[in-house]
PDB file of N, CA and C in Angstrom:
ATOM      1  N   UNK A   1       0.762  -1.180  -0.179  1.00  0.00           N
ATOM      2  CA  UNK A   1       0.070   0.203  -0.208  1.00  0.00           C
ATOM      3  C   UNK A   1       0.874   1.244  -0.024  1.00  0.00           C
ATOM      4  N   UNK A   2       0.722   2.441  -0.722  1.00  0.00           N
ATOM      5  CA  UNK A   2       1.446   3.341  -0.537  1.00  0.00           C
ATOM      6  C   UNK A   2       1.049   4.406   0.127  1.00  0.00           C
ATOM      7  N   UNK A   3       1.913   5.311   0.783  1.00  0.00           N
ATOM      8  CA  UNK A   3       1.719   5.850   1.572  1.00  0.00           C
ATOM      9  C   UNK A   3       0.728   7.095   1.416  1.00  0.00           C
ATOM     10  N   UNK A   4       0.034   7.655   0.521  1.00  0.00           N
ATOM     11  CA  UNK A   4      -1.014   8.063   0.599  1.00  0.00           C
ATOM     12  C   UNK A   4      -2.472   7.480   0.970  1.00  0.00           C
ATOM     13  N   UNK A   5      -2.268   6.066  -0.166  1.00  0.00           N
ATOM     14  CA  UNK A   5      -3.510   4.956   0.781  1.00  0.00           C
ATOM     15  C   UNK A   5      -3.590   4.833   1.919  1.00  0.00           C
ATOM     16  N   UNK A   6      -2.274   4.408   2.841  1.00  0.00           N
ATOM     17  CA  UNK A   6      -2.139   4.253   4.088  1.00  0.00           C
ATOM     18  C   UNK A   6      -2.576   5.370   4.914  1.00  0.00           C
ATOM     19  N   UNK A   7      -2.450   6.776   4.555  1.00  0.00           N
ATOM     20  CA  UNK A   7      -2.825   7.945   5.045  1.00  0.00           C
ATOM     21  C   UNK A   7      -4.219   8.444   5.176  1.00  0.00           C
ATOM     22  N   UNK A   8      -4.890   7.794   3.479  1.00  0.00           N
ATOM     23  CA  UNK A   8      -6.454   8.022   3.547  1.00  0.00           C
ATOM     24  C   UNK A   8      -6.915   7.016   4.419  1.00  0.00           C
ATOM     25  N   UNK A   9      -6.375   6.018   4.519  1.00  0.00           N
ATOM     26  CA  UNK A   9      -6.949   4.747   5.432  1.00  0.00           C
ATOM     27  C   UNK A   9      -7.051   5.270   6.840  1.00  0.00           C
ATOM     28  N   UNK A  10      -6.141   5.998   7.281  1.00  0.00           N
ATOM     29  CA  UNK A  10      -6.285   6.423   8.731  1.00  0.00           C
ATOM     30  C   UNK A  10      -7.683   7.077   8.560  1.00  0.00           C
ATOM     31  N   UNK A  11      -7.805   8.189   7.883  1.00  0.00           N
ATOM     32  CA  UNK A  11      -8.883   8.796   8.078  1.00  0.00           C
ATOM     33  C   UNK A  11     -10.131   8.170   7.964  1.00  0.00           C
ATOM     34  N   UNK A  12     -10.270   7.055   6.894  1.00  0.00           N
ATOM     35  CA  UNK A  12     -11.691   6.487   6.392  1.00  0.00           C
ATOM     36  C   UNK A  12     -11.950   5.596   7.565  1.00  0.00           C
ATOM     37  N   UNK A  13     -11.016   5.234   8.460  1.00  0.00           N
ATOM     38  CA  UNK A  13     -10.992   3.910   9.352  1.00  0.00           C
ATOM     39  C   UNK A  13     -11.054   4.736  10.809  1.00  0.00           C
ATOM     40  N   UNK A  14     -11.446   5.893  10.605  1.00  0.00           N
ATOM     41  CA  UNK A  14     -11.061   6.647  11.782  1.00  0.00           C
ATOM     42  C   UNK A  14     -12.281   6.257  13.432  1.00  0.00           C
ATOM     43  N   UNK A  15     -13.179   5.339  12.773  1.00  0.00           N
ATOM     44  CA  UNK A  15     -14.086   4.937  13.826  1.00  0.00           C
ATOM     45  C   UNK A  15     -13.961   3.477  13.945  1.00  0.00           C
ATOM     46  N   UNK A  16     -13.176   2.820  13.213  1.00  0.00           N
ATOM     47  CA  UNK A  16     -12.826   1.305  13.119  1.00  0.00           C
ATOM     48  C   UNK A  16     -12.391   0.919  14.309  1.00  0.00           C
ATOM     49  N   UNK A  17     -12.683   0.137  15.373  1.00  0.00           N
ATOM     50  CA  UNK A  17     -11.660  -0.178  16.682  1.00  0.00           C
ATOM     51  C   UNK A  17     -11.685  -1.712  16.280  1.00  0.00           C
ATOM     52  N   UNK A  18     -12.287  -1.951  15.457  1.00  0.00           N
ATOM     53  CA  UNK A  18     -12.164  -3.689  15.429  1.00  0.00           C
ATOM     54  C   UNK A  18     -11.112  -4.222  14.271  1.00  0.00           C
ATOM     55  N   UNK A  19     -10.441  -3.626  13.438  1.00  0.00           N
ATOM     56  CA  UNK A  19      -9.693  -4.109  12.602  1.00  0.00           C
ATOM     57  C   UNK A  19      -8.237  -4.147  13.083  1.00  0.00           C
ATOM     58  N   UNK A  20      -7.518  -4.117  12.235  1.00  0.00           N
ATOM     59  CA  UNK A  20      -5.848  -4.509  12.600  1.00  0.00           C
ATOM     60  C   UNK A  20      -5.194  -3.567  11.829  1.00  0.00           C
ATOM     61  N   UNK A  21      -3.992  -2.857  12.502  1.00  0.00           N
ATOM     62  CA  UNK A  21      -2.992  -1.969  11.839  1.00  0.00           C
ATOM     63  C   UNK A  21      -1.916  -2.224  12.212  1.00  0.00           C
ATOM     64  N   UNK A  22      -1.009  -2.741  10.680  1.00  0.00           N
ATOM     65  CA  UNK A  22       0.257  -3.231  11.049  1.00  0.00           C
ATOM     66  C   UNK A  22       1.438  -1.952  11.284  1.00  0.00           C
ATOM     67  N   UNK A  23       2.363  -2.748  12.010  1.00  0.00           N
ATOM     68  CA  UNK A  23       3.526  -1.730  12.240  1.00  0.00           C
ATOM     69  C   UNK A  23       3.754  -0.763  11.527  1.00  0.00           C
ATOM     70  N   UNK A  24       4.019  -1.034  10.316  1.00  0.00           N
ATOM     71  CA  UNK A  24       4.631  -0.257   9.228  1.00  0.00           C
ATOM     72  C   UNK A  24       3.673   0.956   8.936  1.00  0.00           C
ATOM     73  N   UNK A  25       2.338   0.447   9.034  1.00  0.00           N
ATOM     74  CA  UNK A  25       1.473   1.517   8.579  1.00  0.00           C
ATOM     75  C   UNK A  25       1.149   2.304   9.968  1.00  0.00           C
ATOM     76  N   UNK A  26       1.348   1.882  10.840  1.00  0.00           N
ATOM     77  CA  UNK A  26       1.246   2.709  12.268  1.00  0.00           C
ATOM     78  C   UNK A  26       2.501   3.652  12.022  1.00  0.00           C
ATOM     79  N   UNK A  27       3.413   3.452  11.970  1.00  0.00           N
ATOM     80  CA  UNK A  27       4.478   4.399  12.000  1.00  0.00           C
ATOM     81  C   UNK A  27       4.878   5.259  10.620  1.00  0.00           C
ATOM     82  N   UNK A  28       4.112   4.963   9.894  1.00  0.00           N
ATOM     83  CA  UNK A  28       4.077   6.173   8.931  1.00  0.00           C
ATOM     84  C   UNK A  28       2.991   7.260   8.875  1.00  0.00           C
ATOM     85  N   UNK A  29       1.918   6.912   9.522  1.00  0.00           N
ATOM     86  CA  UNK A  29       0.834   7.786   9.791  1.00  0.00           C
ATOM     87  C   UNK A  29       1.312   8.567  11.026  1.00  0.00           C
ATOM     88  N   UNK A  30       2.127   7.880  12.161  1.00  0.00           N
ATOM     89  CA  UNK A  30       2.464   8.569  12.959  1.00  0.00           C
ATOM     90  C   UNK A  30       3.448   9.702  12.693  1.00  0.00           C
ATOM     91  N   UNK A  31       4.455   9.347  11.606  1.00  0.00           N
ATOM     92  CA  UNK A  31       5.430  10.207  11.374  1.00  0.00           C
ATOM     93  C   UNK A  31       4.865  11.202  10.169  1.00  0.00           C
ATOM     94  N   UNK A  32       3.771  10.712   9.518  1.00  0.00           N
ATOM     95  CA  UNK A  32       2.839  12.142   8.690  1.00  0.00           C
ATOM     96  C   UNK A  32       2.430  12.842   9.614  1.00  0.00           C
ATOM     97  N   UNK A  33       1.524  12.340  10.591  1.00  0.00           N
ATOM     98  CA  UNK A  33       0.784  13.484  11.500  1.00  0.00           C
ATOM     99  C   UNK A  33       1.931  14.172  12.350  1.00  0.00           C
ATOM    100  N   UNK A  34       3.167  13.912  13.068  1.00  0.00           N
ATOM    101  CA  UNK A  34       4.188  14.597  13.613  1.00  0.00           C
ATOM    102  C   UNK A  34       4.242  15.624  12.620  1.00  0.00           C
ATOM    103  N   UNK A  35       4.939  15.488  11.374  1.00  0.00           N
ATOM    104  CA  UNK A  35       5.163  16.253  10.361  1.00  0.00           C
ATOM    105  C   UNK A  35       4.223  17.237  10.098  1.00  0.00           C
ATOM    106  N   UNK A  36       3.087  16.942   9.673  1.00  0.00           N
ATOM    107  CA  UNK A  36       1.878  17.880   9.181  1.00  0.00           C
ATOM    108  C   UNK A  36       1.663  19.072  10.956  1.00  0.00           C
ATOM    109  N   UNK A  37       1.703  18.247  12.116  1.00  0.00           N
ATOM    110  CA  UNK A  37       1.645  18.966  13.293  1.00  0.00           C
ATOM    111  C   UNK A  37       2.795  20.114  13.415  1.00  0.00           C
ATOM    112  N   UNK A  38       4.440  19.719  12.855  1.00  0.00           N
ATOM    113  CA  UNK A  38       4.854  21.047  12.794  1.00  0.00           C
ATOM    114  C   UNK A  38       4.950  21.941  11.653  1.00  0.00           C
ATOM    115  N   UNK A  39       4.418  21.388  10.868  1.00  0.00           N
ATOM    116  CA  UNK A  39       4.083  22.573   9.637  1.00  0.00           C
ATOM    117  C   UNK A  39       2.980  23.180  10.323  1.00  0.00           C
ATOM    118  N   UNK A  40       2.139  22.713  10.573  1.00  0.00           N
ATOM    119  CA  UNK A  40       0.728  23.748  10.890  1.00  0.00           C
ATOM    120  C   UNK A  40       1.013  24.355  12.232  1.00  0.00           C
ATOM    121  N   UNK A  41       1.786  23.730  13.201  1.00  0.00           N
ATOM    122  CA  UNK A  41       2.228  24.653  14.192  1.00  0.00           C
ATOM    123  C   UNK A  41       2.818  26.061  14.136  1.00  0.00           C
ATOM    124  N   UNK A  42       3.582  25.692  12.888  1.00  0.00           N
ATOM    125  CA  UNK A  42       4.444  26.904  12.453  1.00  0.00           C
ATOM    126  C   UNK A  42       3.766  28.173  11.804  1.00  0.00           C
ATOM    127  N   UNK A  43       2.382  27.990  11.474  1.00  0.00           N
ATOM    128  CA  UNK A  43       1.578  28.936  11.035  1.00  0.00           C
ATOM    129  C   UNK A  43       1.541  30.292  11.247  1.00  0.00           C
ATOM    130  N   UNK A  44       1.272  31.180  10.925  1.00  0.00           N
ATOM    131  CA  UNK A  44       0.947  32.633  11.677  1.00  0.00           C
ATOM    132  C   UNK A  44      -0.514  32.178  12.571  1.00  0.00           C
ATOM    133  N   UNK A  45      -0.473  33.283  13.545  1.00  0.00           N
ATOM    134  CA  UNK A  45      -1.481  33.490  14.494  1.00  0.00           C
ATOM    135  C   UNK A  45      -2.891  33.226  14.048  1.00  0.00           C
ATOM    136  N   UNK A  46      -2.907  34.297  13.109  1.00  0.00           N
ATOM    137  CA  UNK A  46      -4.345  34.061  12.366  1.00  0.00           C
ATOM    138  C   UNK A  46      -4.649  32.649  11.793  1.00  0.00           C
ATOM    139  N   UNK A  47      -3.941  31.851  11.338  1.00  0.00           N
ATOM    140  CA  UNK A  47      -4.447  30.648  10.811  1.00  0.00           C
ATOM    141  C   UNK A  47      -4.157  29.324  11.958  1.00  0.00           C
ATOM    142  N   UNK A  48      -3.839  29.789  13.160  1.00  0.00           N
ATOM    143  CA  UNK A  48      -3.878  28.935  14.151  1.00  0.00           C
ATOM    144  C   UNK A  48      -5.080  27.589  14.250  1.00  0.00           C
ATOM    145  N   UNK A  49      -6.133  28.168  13.929  1.00  0.00           N
ATOM    146  CA  UNK A  49      -7.035  27.345  13.983  1.00  0.00           C
ATOM    147  C   UNK A  49      -7.067  26.179  13.480  1.00  0.00           C
ATOM    148  N   UNK A  50      -6.381  26.470  12.099  1.00  0.00           N
ATOM    149  CA  UNK A  50      -6.334  25.187  11.282  1.00  0.00           C
ATOM    150  C   UNK A  50      -5.615  23.878  12.055  1.00  0.00           C
ATOM    151  N   UNK A  51      -4.375  24.568  12.691  1.00  0.00           N
ATOM    152  CA  UNK A  51      -3.332  23.588  13.480  1.00  0.00           C
ATOM    153  C   UNK A  51      -4.593  23.025  14.622  1.00  0.00           C
ATOM    154  N   UNK A  52      -5.331  23.608  15.056  1.00  0.00           N
ATOM    155  CA  UNK A  52      -6.184  23.045  16.166  1.00  0.00           C
ATOM    156  C   UNK A  52      -6.928  22.353  15.636  1.00  0.00           C
ATOM    157  N   UNK A  53      -7.898  22.617  14.826  1.00  0.00           N
ATOM    158  CA  UNK A  53      -8.892  21.814  13.820  1.00  0.00           C
ATOM    159  C   UNK A  53      -8.150  20.449  13.710  1.00  0.00           C
ATOM    160  N   UNK A  54      -6.812  20.465  13.111  1.00  0.00           N
ATOM    161  CA  UNK A  54      -6.398  19.220  12.785  1.00  0.00           C
ATOM    162  C   UNK A  54      -5.879  18.060  13.892  1.00  0.00           C
ATOM    163  N   UNK A  55      -5.573  18.735  14.761  1.00  0.00           N
ATOM    164  CA  UNK A  55      -5.182  18.162  16.225  1.00  0.00           C
ATOM    165  C   UNK A  55      -6.415  17.769  16.679  1.00  0.00           C
ATOM    166  N   UNK A  56      -7.522  18.227  16.741  1.00  0.00           N
ATOM    167  CA  UNK A  56      -8.756  18.037  17.346  1.00  0.00           C
ATOM    168  C   UNK A  56      -9.070  16.636  16.529  1.00  0.00           C
ATOM    169  N   UNK A  57      -9.253  16.846  15.273  1.00  0.00           N
ATOM    170  CA  UNK A  57      -9.826  15.983  14.399  1.00  0.00           C
ATOM    171  C   UNK A  57      -9.102  14.494  14.226  1.00  0.00           C
ATOM    172  N   UNK A  58      -8.063  14.715  14.638  1.00  0.00           N
ATOM    173  CA  UNK A  58      -6.898  13.162  14.900  1.00  0.00           C
ATOM    174  C   UNK A  58      -7.043  12.392  16.243  1.00  0.00           C
ATOM    175  N   UNK A  59      -7.925  13.281  17.218  1.00  0.00           N
ATOM    176  CA  UNK A  59      -7.822  12.567  18.485  1.00  0.00           C
ATOM    177  C   UNK A  59      -8.452  11.054  17.934  1.00  0.00           C
ATOM    178  N   UNK A  60      -9.841  11.059  17.620  1.00  0.00           N
ATOM    179  CA  UNK A  60     -10.751   9.652  17.820  1.00  0.00           C
ATOM    180  C   UNK A  60      -9.787   8.713  16.884  1.00  0.00           C
ATOM    181  N   UNK A  61      -9.462   9.062  15.428  1.00  0.00           N
ATOM    182  CA  UNK A  61      -8.562   8.334  14.478  1.00  0.00           C
ATOM    183  C   UNK A  61      -7.468   7.800  15.162  1.00  0.00           C
ATOM    184  N   UNK A  62      -6.543   8.824  15.715  1.00  0.00           N
ATOM    185  CA  UNK A  62      -5.632   7.997  16.345  1.00  0.00           C
ATOM    186  C   UNK A  62      -5.585   7.107  17.586  1.00  0.00           C
ATOM    187  N   UNK A  63      -6.747   7.450  18.222  1.00  0.00           N
ATOM    188  CA  UNK A  63      -7.293   6.205  19.543  1.00  0.00           C
ATOM    189  C   UNK A  63      -7.350   4.933  18.505  1.00  0.00           C
ATOM    190  N   UNK A  64      -8.094   5.185  17.858  1.00  0.00           N
ATOM    191  CA  UNK A  64      -8.665   4.077  16.972  1.00  0.00           C
ATOM    192  C   UNK A  64      -7.615   2.809  16.410  1.00  0.00           C
ATOM    193  N   UNK A  65      -6.846   3.801  15.694  1.00  0.00           N
ATOM    194  CA  UNK A  65      -5.643   3.247  15.298  1.00  0.00           C
ATOM    195  C   UNK A  65      -4.699   2.832  16.008  1.00  0.00           C
ATOM    196  N   UNK A  66      -4.609   3.440  17.410  1.00  0.00           N
ATOM    197  CA  UNK A  66      -3.709   2.500  18.452  1.00  0.00           C
ATOM    198  C   UNK A  66      -4.292   1.380  18.926  1.00  0.00           C
ATOM    199  N   UNK A  67      -5.848   1.259  19.106  1.00  0.00           N
ATOM    200  CA  UNK A  67      -6.289   0.024  19.614  1.00  0.00           C
ATOM    201  C   UNK A  67      -6.244  -0.873  18.251  1.00  0.00           C
ATOM    202  N   UNK A  68      -6.180  -0.606  17.217  1.00  0.00           N
ATOM    203  CA  UNK A  68      -6.140  -1.652  16.237  1.00  0.00           C
ATOM    204  C   UNK A  68      -4.915  -2.183  16.016  1.00  0.00           C
ATOM    205  N   UNK A  69      -3.632  -1.126  16.347  1.00  0.00           N
ATOM    206  CA  UNK A  69      -2.298  -1.745  16.531  1.00  0.00           C
ATOM    207  C   UNK A  69      -1.902  -2.578  17.535  1.00  0.00           C
ATOM    208  N   UNK A  70      -2.621  -2.251  18.767  1.00  0.00           N
ATOM    209  CA  UNK A  70      -2.468  -3.198  20.237  1.00  0.00           C
ATOM    210  C   UNK A  70      -3.160  -4.587  19.590  1.00  0.00           C
ATOM    211  N   UNK A  71      -4.396  -4.875  19.110  1.00  0.00           N
ATOM    212  CA  UNK A  71      -5.170  -5.853  18.734  1.00  0.00           C
ATOM    213  C   UNK A  71      -3.822  -6.435  17.738  1.00  0.00           C
ATOM    214  N   UNK A  72      -3.216  -5.722  16.790  1.00  0.00           N
ATOM    215  CA  UNK A  72      -2.493  -6.627  16.010  1.00  0.00           C
ATOM    216  C   UNK A  72      -1.487  -7.441  16.762  1.00  0.00           C
ATOM    217  N   UNK A  73      -0.940  -6.913  17.661  1.00  0.00           N
ATOM    218  CA  UNK A  73       0.172  -7.649  18.416  1.00  0.00           C
ATOM    219  C   UNK A  73      -0.567  -8.741  19.174  1.00  0.00           C
ATOM    220  N   UNK A  74      -1.603  -8.907  19.049  1.00  0.00           N
ATOM    221  CA  UNK A  74      -2.563 -10.030  19.919  1.00  0.00           C
ATOM    222  C   UNK A  74      -2.982  -9.971  21.061  1.00  0.00           C
ATOM    223  N   UNK A  75      -2.927  -8.495  21.623  1.00  0.00           N
ATOM    224  CA  UNK A  75      -3.032  -8.278  23.064  1.00  0.00           C
ATOM    225  C   UNK A  75      -4.683  -7.438  22.943  1.00  0.00           C
ATOM    226  N   UNK A  76      -5.486  -7.546  23.711  1.00  0.00           N
ATOM    227  CA  UNK A  76      -6.761  -6.815  24.048  1.00  0.00           C
ATOM    228  C   UNK A  76      -6.774  -5.391  23.818  1.00  0.00           C
ATOM    229  N   UNK A  77      -7.740  -4.959  23.401  1.00  0.00           N
ATOM    230  CA  UNK A  77      -7.864  -3.313  23.589  1.00  0.00           C
ATOM    231  C   UNK A  77      -7.806  -2.798  24.870  1.00  0.00           C
ATOM    232  N   UNK A  78      -8.111  -3.458  25.734  1.00  0.00           N
ATOM    233  CA  UNK A  78      -7.772  -2.992  27.203  1.00  0.00           C
ATOM    234  C   UNK A  78      -6.507  -2.512  27.625  1.00  0.00           C
ATOM    235  N   UNK A  79      -5.538  -2.799  26.677  1.00  0.00           N
ATOM    236  CA  UNK A  79      -4.253  -2.244  27.074  1.00  0.00           C
ATOM    237  C   UNK A  79      -3.904  -0.877  26.955  1.00  0.00           C
ATOM    238  N   UNK A  80      -4.694  -0.404  25.995  1.00  0.00           N
ATOM    239  CA  UNK A  80      -4.555   1.102  25.748  1.00  0.00           C
ATOM    240  C   UNK A  80      -4.712   1.703  27.173  1.00  0.00           C
ATOM    241  N   UNK A  81      -5.030   1.560  28.300  1.00  0.00           N
ATOM    242  CA  UNK A  81      -5.228   2.092  29.501  1.00  0.00           C
ATOM    243  C   UNK A  81      -3.718   2.186  30.093  1.00  0.00           C
ATOM    244  N   UNK A  82      -2.723   1.364  29.696  1.00  0.00           N
ATOM    245  CA  UNK A  82      -1.268   1.267  30.410  1.00  0.00           C
ATOM    246  C   UNK A  82      -0.883   2.377  30.532  1.00  0.00           C
ATOM    247  N   UNK A  83      -1.325   3.395  29.392  1.00  0.00           N
ATOM    248  CA  UNK A  83      -0.475   5.038  29.342  1.00  0.00           C
ATOM    249  C   UNK A  83      -1.135   5.625  30.680  1.00  0.00           C
ATOM    250  N   UNK A  84      -1.785   5.219  31.418  1.00  0.00           N
ATOM    251  CA  UNK A  84      -2.506   5.884  32.378  1.00  0.00           C
ATOM    252  C   UNK A  84      -1.163   5.946  33.570  1.00  0.00           C
ATOM    253  N   UNK A  85      -0.618   4.786  33.687  1.00  0.00           N
ATOM    254  CA  UNK A  85       0.468   4.682  34.734  1.00  0.00           C
ATOM    255  C   UNK A  85       1.459   5.487  34.222  1.00  0.00           C
ATOM    256  N   UNK A  86       1.559   6.754  35.192  1.00  0.00           N
ATOM    257  CA  UNK A  86       2.621   7.870  34.840  1.00  0.00           C
ATOM    258  C   UNK A  86       3.852   7.056  34.352  1.00  0.00           C
ATOM    259  N   UNK A  87       4.856   7.388  33.586  1.00  0.00           N
ATOM    260  CA  UNK A  87       6.183   7.144  32.742  1.00  0.00           C
ATOM    261  C   UNK A  87       6.285   5.722  32.587  1.00  0.00           C
ATOM    262  N   UNK A  88       6.186   4.918  32.992  1.00  0.00           N
ATOM    263  CA  UNK A  88       6.293   3.339  32.921  1.00  0.00           C
ATOM    264  C   UNK A  88       5.310   3.242  31.566  1.00  0.00           C
ATOM    265  N   UNK A  89       3.828   3.543  31.950  1.00  0.00           N
ATOM    266  CA  UNK A  89       2.818   3.082  31.008  1.00  0.00           C
ATOM    267  C   UNK A  89       2.958   3.771  29.827  1.00  0.00           C
ATOM    268  N   UNK A  90       3.718   5.084  29.483  1.00  0.00           N
ATOM    269  CA  UNK A  90       3.965   5.058  28.057  1.00  0.00           C
ATOM    270  C   UNK A  90       5.191   4.462  27.226  1.00  0.00           C
ATOM    271  N   UNK A  91       6.123   3.959  28.315  1.00  0.00           N
ATOM    272  CA  UNK A  91       7.214   3.345  27.654  1.00  0.00           C
ATOM    273  C   UNK A  91       6.713   2.002  27.565  1.00  0.00           C
ATOM    274  N   UNK A  92       5.565   1.413  28.220  1.00  0.00           N
ATOM    275  CA  UNK A  92       5.255   0.152  28.123  1.00  0.00           C
ATOM    276  C   UNK A  92       4.349  -0.048  26.716  1.00  0.00           C
ATOM    277  N   UNK A  93       3.716   1.153  26.594  1.00  0.00           N
ATOM    278  CA  UNK A  93       2.729   1.465  25.357  1.00  0.00           C
ATOM    279  C   UNK A  93       3.943   1.580  24.269  1.00  0.00           C
ATOM    280  N   UNK A  94       5.198   2.099  24.223  1.00  0.00           N
ATOM    281  CA  UNK A  94       5.997   2.294  22.905  1.00  0.00           C
ATOM    282  C   UNK A  94       6.142   0.602  22.914  1.00  0.00           C
ATOM    283  N   UNK A  95       6.652   0.288  23.617  1.00  0.00           N
ATOM    284  CA  UNK A  95       7.163  -1.552  23.559  1.00  0.00           C
ATOM    285  C   UNK A  95       6.222  -2.118  22.947  1.00  0.00           C
ATOM    286  N   UNK A  96       4.829  -1.892  22.991  1.00  0.00           N
ATOM    287  CA  UNK A  96       4.047  -2.858  22.582  1.00  0.00           C
ATOM    288  C   UNK A  96       3.870  -2.045  21.270  1.00  0.00           C
ATOM    289  N   UNK A  97       3.510  -1.220  20.868  1.00  0.00           N
ATOM    290  CA  UNK A  97       3.522  -0.983  19.555  1.00  0.00           C
ATOM    291  C   UNK A  97       4.814  -0.774  18.593  1.00  0.00           C
ATOM    292  N   UNK A  98       5.866  -1.360  19.209  1.00  0.00           N
ATOM    293  CA  UNK A  98       7.161  -1.425  18.291  1.00  0.00           C
ATOM    294  C   UNK A  98       7.207  -3.074  18.260  1.00  0.00           C
ATOM    295  N   UNK A  99       6.392  -3.961  19.032  1.00  0.00           N
ATOM    296  CA  UNK A  99       6.197  -5.309  19.264  1.00  0.00           C
ATOM    297  C   UNK A  99       5.554  -5.901  17.379  1.00  0.00           C
ATOM    298  N   UNK A 100       6.290  -6.793  17.014  1.00  0.00           N
ATOM    299  CA  UNK A 100       5.691  -7.194  15.699  1.00  0.00           C
ATOM    300  C   UNK A 100       4.471  -7.908  15.612  1.00  0.00           C
ATOM    301  N   UNK A 101       4.074  -8.045  14.777  1.00  0.00           N
ATOM    302  CA  UNK A 101       2.174  -8.457  14.739  1.00  0.00           C
ATOM    303  C   UNK A 101       2.173  -9.986  15.111  1.00  0.00           C
ATOM    304  N   UNK A 102       1.097 -10.642  15.721  1.00  0.00           N
ATOM    305  CA  UNK A 102       0.991 -11.296  16.427  1.00  0.00           C
ATOM    306  C   UNK A 102       0.882 -12.766  15.076  1.00  0.00           C
ATOM    307  N   UNK A 103       1.049 -13.992  15.358  1.00  0.00           N
ATOM    308  CA  UNK A 103       1.056 -14.781  14.065  1.00  0.00           C
ATOM    309  C   UNK A 103      -0.356 -14.964  14.393  1.00  0.00           C
ATOM    310  N   UNK A 104      -1.016 -15.241  14.905  1.00  0.00           N
ATOM    311  CA  UNK A 104      -2.754 -15.450  14.975  1.00  0.00           C
ATOM    312  C   UNK A 104      -3.236 -14.213  14.406  1.00  0.00           C
ATOM    313  N   UNK A 105      -2.859 -13.100  14.325  1.00  0.00           N
ATOM    314  CA  UNK A 105      -4.021 -11.898  13.754  1.00  0.00           C
ATOM    315  C   UNK A 105      -3.728 -11.671  12.476  1.00  0.00           C
ATOM    316  N   UNK A 106      -2.758 -12.216  11.645  1.00  0.00           N
ATOM    317  CA  UNK A 106      -2.999 -12.174  10.282  1.00  0.00           C
ATOM    318  C   UNK A 106      -3.984 -12.779   9.322  1.00  0.00           C
TER     319      UNK A 106
END
């Protein structure tokens, strides 16, 4: 799948919490969103609303993609709550999203 197709999938599956997201697709989308956030964050103050709109619009699709990525590693969606543990939770979640896809999830 091409990069534009992968990013389009991010937006079209914004409310799909049941599918799977492969590791490469997850990181391509994260990279694109970070780059877009950096570019939009440097817009003049008059256009700051565009940055805010992008950031708010990305929340639910981002959570859905994270849930799909967790499911792709063979874990239950409930693992998303691990991030609520200060510091350790973020590191644990990073380890989860860096994990390869589970054999039974393909």
